[in-house]
Protein backbone atom coordinates (compact mmCIF):
# COMPACT_ATOMS: atom_id res chain seq x y z
CA MET A 1 52.36 27.22 -169.90
CA ARG A 2 49.13 25.37 -170.12
CA SER A 3 49.78 23.60 -166.83
CA ALA A 4 50.64 26.88 -165.05
CA ALA A 5 47.24 28.43 -166.28
CA ILE A 6 45.32 25.47 -164.99
CA LEU A 7 47.04 25.73 -161.60
CA ARG A 8 46.11 29.44 -161.28
CA ARG A 9 42.47 28.73 -162.07
CA GLY A 10 42.46 26.00 -159.42
CA LEU A 11 43.79 28.40 -156.71
CA VAL A 12 41.14 30.94 -157.47
CA LEU A 13 38.41 28.33 -157.24
CA LEU A 14 39.68 27.13 -153.79
CA VAL A 15 39.72 30.66 -152.39
CA LEU A 16 36.02 31.30 -153.50
CA THR A 17 34.93 27.92 -152.07
CA ALA A 18 36.59 28.83 -148.69
CA MET A 19 34.89 32.21 -148.52
CA LEU A 20 31.47 30.67 -149.12
CA ALA A 21 32.13 28.01 -146.53
CA VAL A 22 32.79 30.54 -143.64
CA PRO A 23 29.45 31.87 -142.02
CA GLY A 24 28.98 35.57 -141.33
CA PRO A 25 29.17 37.01 -137.76
CA SER A 26 25.33 37.15 -137.46
CA TRP A 27 25.21 33.37 -137.71
CA SER A 28 27.89 32.54 -135.25
CA HIS A 29 26.50 34.49 -132.28
CA GLU A 30 23.01 34.74 -130.76
CA ARG A 31 21.70 38.16 -129.57
CA LYS A 32 23.47 38.96 -126.34
CA SER A 33 21.03 39.24 -123.39
CA THR A 34 20.97 42.65 -121.62
CA SER A 35 18.72 41.42 -118.79
CA SER A 36 19.73 42.98 -115.45
CA LEU A 37 17.85 42.79 -112.19
CA THR A 38 18.67 44.11 -108.76
CA GLY A 39 16.72 43.15 -105.69
CA THR A 40 16.45 43.57 -101.94
CA ILE A 41 15.07 41.04 -99.47
CA VAL A 42 13.26 41.87 -96.27
CA ARG A 43 11.70 39.53 -93.73
CA ILE A 44 7.94 39.51 -93.26
CA ALA A 45 5.76 37.36 -91.03
CA GLY A 46 5.99 33.88 -92.44
CA GLY A 47 8.34 34.60 -95.34
CA ILE A 48 10.16 37.32 -97.28
CA GLN A 49 9.44 40.13 -99.79
CA VAL A 50 11.77 40.60 -102.67
CA THR A 51 11.67 44.06 -104.38
CA LEU A 52 12.98 43.75 -107.98
CA THR A 53 14.13 46.58 -110.28
CA ASN A 54 14.75 46.09 -114.02
CA THR A 55 18.12 47.93 -114.42
CA GLY A 56 18.71 46.55 -117.96
CA THR A 57 17.63 47.68 -121.41
CA ASP A 58 15.33 44.81 -122.42
CA SER A 59 11.97 43.57 -121.15
CA PHE A 60 10.97 40.02 -120.31
CA HIS A 61 7.93 38.13 -119.07
CA TYR A 62 9.33 35.68 -116.51
CA VAL A 63 11.39 36.01 -113.41
CA TRP A 64 12.92 33.23 -111.33
CA VAL A 65 13.99 33.83 -107.68
CA GLN A 66 16.27 31.12 -106.45
CA MET A 67 16.54 31.25 -102.63
CA VAL A 68 19.14 29.60 -100.47
CA PRO A 69 18.86 25.75 -100.46
CA SER A 70 17.88 25.63 -96.79
CA VAL A 71 14.66 27.60 -97.25
CA HIS A 72 11.63 26.25 -99.27
CA HIS A 73 8.71 28.20 -100.63
CA THR A 74 5.18 27.39 -99.47
CA GLY A 75 3.43 30.00 -101.70
CA ALA A 76 4.19 33.15 -103.70
CA SER A 77 2.64 36.18 -105.41
CA ILE A 78 3.61 39.26 -107.36
CA ASP A 79 2.07 42.70 -107.22
CA ARG A 80 0.55 44.75 -110.10
CA GLY A 81 -0.65 41.88 -112.29
CA GLY A 82 0.90 38.59 -112.89
CA GLY A 83 1.20 35.37 -110.97
CA CYS A 84 3.79 33.05 -109.28
CA GLY A 85 4.27 29.35 -108.88
CA PRO A 86 6.85 26.75 -108.08
CA GLY A 87 10.08 26.62 -110.04
CA PRO A 88 12.13 23.53 -110.85
CA ASP A 89 13.08 22.99 -107.18
CA LEU A 90 11.72 23.71 -103.71
CA ASN A 91 13.82 26.80 -103.23
CA THR A 92 12.99 28.49 -106.50
CA VAL A 93 9.90 30.55 -107.41
CA LYS A 94 8.83 31.43 -110.89
CA CYS A 95 6.69 34.58 -111.64
CA GLY A 96 5.12 35.71 -114.88
CA ILE A 97 4.40 39.41 -115.69
CA SER A 98 1.36 39.89 -117.95
CA PHE A 99 0.82 42.34 -120.83
CA GLY A 100 3.97 44.32 -121.76
CA GLY A 101 6.26 42.29 -119.46
CA PHE A 102 8.86 43.58 -117.05
CA GLN A 103 9.94 46.80 -118.66
CA PRO A 104 13.23 48.65 -118.00
CA ASN A 105 13.16 50.77 -114.79
CA GLN A 106 10.00 49.06 -113.56
CA VAL A 107 9.76 47.69 -109.99
CA TYR A 108 7.89 44.63 -108.89
CA VAL A 109 7.54 43.11 -105.41
CA VAL A 110 7.48 39.28 -105.09
CA THR A 111 6.12 37.88 -101.80
CA ILE A 112 7.27 34.35 -100.94
CA MET A 113 6.03 32.39 -97.94
CA THR A 114 8.65 30.07 -96.56
CA ASP A 115 9.03 27.06 -94.27
CA HIS A 116 11.92 28.54 -92.30
CA ASP A 117 13.14 31.99 -91.37
CA TYR A 118 15.31 33.39 -94.14
CA PRO A 119 19.00 33.71 -93.04
CA VAL A 120 20.42 37.12 -92.58
CA GLU A 121 22.28 38.28 -95.73
CA GLY A 122 21.28 34.95 -97.39
CA GLY A 123 20.59 36.66 -100.67
CA ALA A 124 19.04 35.17 -103.75
CA GLN A 125 19.90 34.55 -107.44
CA LEU A 126 17.77 36.13 -110.13
CA PHE A 127 16.99 34.85 -113.63
CA THR A 128 14.87 36.07 -116.54
CA GLY A 129 13.32 34.62 -119.63
CA ASP A 130 10.49 34.98 -122.19
CA ALA A 131 9.15 31.44 -121.90
CA THR A 132 7.58 29.71 -118.90
CA ASP A 133 10.25 27.01 -118.93
CA GLY A 134 13.27 29.05 -120.04
CA PRO A 135 15.86 29.19 -121.30
CA LEU A 136 16.99 31.28 -118.34
CA ASN A 137 19.31 34.26 -118.46
CA PRO A 138 21.28 34.97 -115.21
CA ALA A 139 20.23 38.62 -114.37
CA GLY A 140 21.67 39.47 -110.99
CA THR A 141 21.28 38.95 -107.30
CA ALA A 142 18.98 40.12 -104.52
CA THR A 143 20.70 41.18 -101.23
CA GLY A 144 19.51 40.86 -97.65
CA PRO A 145 17.72 40.51 -95.48
CA GLU A 146 19.61 42.82 -93.22
CA ALA A 147 20.19 41.88 -89.59
CA PRO A 148 17.56 43.36 -87.33
CA PRO A 149 18.82 46.45 -85.47
CA LEU A 150 20.24 45.80 -82.02
CA PRO A 151 17.88 46.90 -79.26
CA LYS A 152 18.92 50.23 -77.74
CA PRO A 153 20.42 49.80 -74.31
CA GLU A 154 17.96 50.83 -71.64
CA GLN A 155 18.96 54.04 -70.01
CA PRO A 156 19.35 54.17 -66.23
CA CYS A 157 16.34 55.64 -64.51
CA ARG A 158 16.71 59.00 -62.83
CA CYS A 159 15.35 60.73 -59.80
CA ARG A 160 12.53 62.92 -61.02
CA SER A 161 11.34 64.44 -57.74
CA LEU A 162 12.14 64.29 -54.06
CA THR A 163 10.00 65.91 -51.43
CA ALA A 164 9.90 65.78 -47.64
CA ARG A 165 7.46 66.89 -44.93
CA ILE A 166 7.06 66.52 -41.15
CA VAL A 167 4.21 64.18 -40.26
CA SER A 168 2.11 66.24 -37.90
CA PRO A 169 0.69 63.29 -35.82
CA SER A 170 4.26 62.20 -35.17
CA LEU A 171 5.22 65.43 -33.34
CA GLY A 172 5.59 64.87 -29.63
CA HIS A 173 5.36 67.79 -27.24
CA PRO A 174 8.77 68.61 -25.70
CA ASN A 175 9.74 67.09 -22.37
CA GLY A 176 12.00 68.13 -19.57
CA ARG A 177 13.88 71.34 -18.80
CA GLY A 178 15.13 71.76 -22.33
CA LEU A 179 13.81 70.73 -25.73
CA ASP A 180 13.43 67.01 -26.11
CA MET A 181 11.02 66.11 -28.93
CA TYR A 182 10.36 63.49 -31.56
CA PHE A 183 9.02 63.82 -35.11
CA GLY A 184 8.83 61.82 -38.28
CA LEU A 185 10.06 63.12 -41.64
CA HIS A 186 8.12 61.55 -44.52
CA TRP A 187 9.86 61.56 -47.95
CA THR A 188 8.57 60.75 -51.36
CA LEU A 189 10.82 59.95 -54.37
CA GLY A 190 9.59 59.76 -58.01
CA CYS A 191 11.76 57.99 -60.62
CA THR A 192 11.71 58.01 -64.37
CA PRO A 193 11.49 54.75 -66.38
CA GLY A 194 14.76 52.97 -67.06
CA ALA A 195 17.07 50.33 -65.71
CA GLY A 196 17.97 50.86 -62.08
CA GLY A 197 20.06 53.56 -60.48
CA CYS A 198 17.37 55.96 -59.10
CA GLU A 199 18.24 57.27 -55.71
CA GLY A 200 17.96 60.38 -53.60
CA LYS A 201 19.31 61.58 -50.34
CA LEU A 202 18.12 63.91 -47.57
CA THR A 203 20.23 65.72 -44.95
CA ILE A 204 18.27 67.20 -41.96
CA LEU A 205 20.09 70.00 -40.16
CA ALA A 206 19.63 70.49 -36.47
CA PRO A 207 18.56 74.13 -35.90
CA HIS A 208 21.08 76.63 -34.44
CA GLN A 209 20.97 80.30 -33.74
CA LYS A 210 24.08 82.44 -32.99
CA PRO A 211 23.92 84.96 -30.11
CA ASN A 212 22.99 88.52 -31.18
CA PRO A 213 24.89 91.06 -29.08
CA ARG A 214 22.78 93.92 -30.35
CA THR A 215 19.43 92.44 -29.33
CA LYS A 216 20.91 90.48 -26.33
CA GLU A 217 19.56 87.23 -27.74
CA LYS A 218 21.66 84.40 -26.38
CA GLY A 219 21.06 82.09 -29.38
CA TYR A 220 20.81 78.34 -29.03
CA VAL A 221 22.13 75.04 -30.31
CA SER A 222 20.36 71.73 -30.86
CA HIS A 223 21.38 68.24 -31.86
CA PHE A 224 19.79 65.10 -33.07
CA LYS A 225 20.19 62.09 -30.88
CA VAL A 226 21.04 58.93 -32.83
CA GLY A 227 22.15 55.39 -31.97
CA PRO A 228 20.98 52.63 -29.71
CA LEU A 229 18.78 53.45 -26.75
CA GLY A 230 20.88 54.44 -23.77
CA ASN A 231 23.90 55.23 -26.03
CA LYS A 232 22.65 58.22 -28.00
CA ARG A 233 25.13 60.30 -29.92
CA LEU A 234 24.60 63.95 -30.57
CA VAL A 235 24.96 65.00 -34.21
CA ASP A 236 24.34 68.23 -36.07
CA SER A 237 22.77 66.57 -39.06
CA VAL A 238 21.21 63.29 -40.15
CA GLY A 239 21.50 61.79 -43.60
CA VAL A 240 18.66 59.74 -44.99
CA ALA A 241 19.11 57.45 -48.06
CA CYS A 242 16.07 57.32 -50.34
CA PRO A 243 16.12 54.27 -52.60
CA GLY A 244 13.79 54.48 -55.65
CA ALA A 245 11.97 52.24 -57.98
CA CYS A 246 12.11 52.95 -61.72
CA ALA A 247 8.93 54.34 -63.31
CA ASN A 248 7.43 54.49 -59.87
CA THR A 249 7.05 56.45 -56.64
CA THR A 250 8.69 55.35 -53.43
CA ALA A 251 8.03 56.72 -49.97
CA GLY A 252 9.28 56.31 -46.44
CA THR A 253 9.35 57.92 -43.03
CA TYR A 254 12.46 58.58 -40.95
CA HIS A 255 12.02 59.18 -37.21
CA LEU A 256 14.15 61.75 -35.42
CA ARG A 257 14.76 62.92 -31.91
CA LEU A 258 15.83 66.57 -31.46
CA ASP A 259 17.46 67.75 -28.20
CA SER A 260 18.49 71.18 -26.89
CA PHE A 261 19.32 72.43 -23.40
CA ASP A 262 19.09 75.97 -24.62
CA LEU A 263 15.48 75.79 -25.55
CA GLY A 264 13.55 75.56 -22.28
CA VAL A 265 9.92 76.35 -22.02
CA HIS A 266 10.49 80.18 -21.56
CA GLU A 267 13.16 80.34 -24.31
CA ARG A 268 11.04 78.71 -26.95
CA ALA A 269 7.60 80.13 -25.94
CA LEU A 270 5.99 82.00 -28.95
CA GLU A 271 9.14 81.23 -30.97
CA SER A 272 9.79 78.82 -33.84
CA ILE A 273 12.78 76.76 -34.88
CA PRO A 274 13.75 76.05 -38.49
CA ILE A 275 14.14 72.48 -39.87
CA VAL A 276 16.22 72.66 -43.07
CA VAL A 277 16.19 69.61 -45.31
CA GLN A 278 18.92 69.49 -47.86
CA ARG A 279 18.20 67.10 -50.75
CA SER A 280 19.87 65.66 -53.80
CA CYS A 281 18.85 63.46 -56.76
CA GLN A 282 21.58 61.20 -58.31
CA GLY A 283 24.08 63.37 -56.42
CA LYS A 284 22.80 66.55 -57.90
CA ALA A 285 21.69 69.11 -55.30
CA LEU A 286 18.17 70.39 -55.31
CA PRO A 287 16.93 73.55 -53.54
CA PRO A 288 16.54 72.82 -49.77
CA ILE A 289 13.14 72.39 -48.14
CA ARG A 290 12.62 74.88 -45.29
CA LEU A 291 10.18 73.78 -42.55
CA THR A 292 9.43 75.37 -39.12
CA ILE A 293 8.07 74.07 -35.90
CA ALA A 294 6.30 76.85 -33.86
CA PHE A 295 5.55 76.96 -30.13
CA ASP A 296 2.73 78.60 -28.15
CA ASP A 297 3.12 80.70 -25.03
CA ASP A 298 3.34 77.53 -22.90
CA GLY A 299 6.23 76.21 -25.02
CA ARG A 300 4.11 73.52 -26.58
CA ILE A 301 3.94 72.90 -30.28
CA ASP A 302 1.66 75.21 -32.20
CA LEU A 303 0.54 73.23 -35.26
CA PRO A 304 -1.43 76.01 -37.02
CA LYS A 305 1.67 78.35 -36.94
CA SER A 306 4.12 75.54 -37.96
CA ARG A 307 5.11 74.97 -41.58
CA LEU A 308 5.45 71.19 -41.88
CA GLY A 309 5.55 70.76 -45.65
């Protein structure tokens, strides 16, 4: 009996000793850090800017920005009070925030000058602490810088305007029994800015008039003569290509020879013939230009009564 009582007292003593020897929970764990930073990096001339936001619930006085190993800092600063200096290595910058520290929901901008261009989407590691030399708490990452936007492809330039006129000094008085005359058609093409592709086209129609049984007018036909000298072909219209220069105005003169056996001196005296110029820009038709060449009572060209453009 006595030995059993002694054994029970010994067990109770061992349990009490064990309870005293185990520390409470507050001793076994330090306060868990709630530091949390997010950041974005943008390139600036000679370096980067890192915009930091405290997304956690605690404040702190020091921030470390650890850049990629290939980029080294050559100077740093922080806005709204505080200062920055070199960290433990060439790619880490340490910044201190004065007074109340970096409070939750606050935003600071750290400017870091670098010896190389920062790589696209290189990012950075962020740390916080309450002492200039740590200990450090990993607090998040900064993302960026984003790739610069691709340049917009340059749009093709377009025909902006296309005009045409008959050059009055080029008009030669008709020769021979019928109408055989020369004139120059001067065109001007304006193009918008862009990257090539501006062009226009003119089509000059040889004048025709159908007979009128009511008035007994016989009508007439005419043709343009084209081709090498001595081998002229007769055509009802002549097409003129008008190449353009982007963001500029281009001009040229096309020389034509108009022929008609139906328009002798008496037939054309005191009359006029139409010169219709069809035109298009980039294949899109524009209203035609309507010109006239008038003749006096001798069948010669009457410039004052002509409409040349």
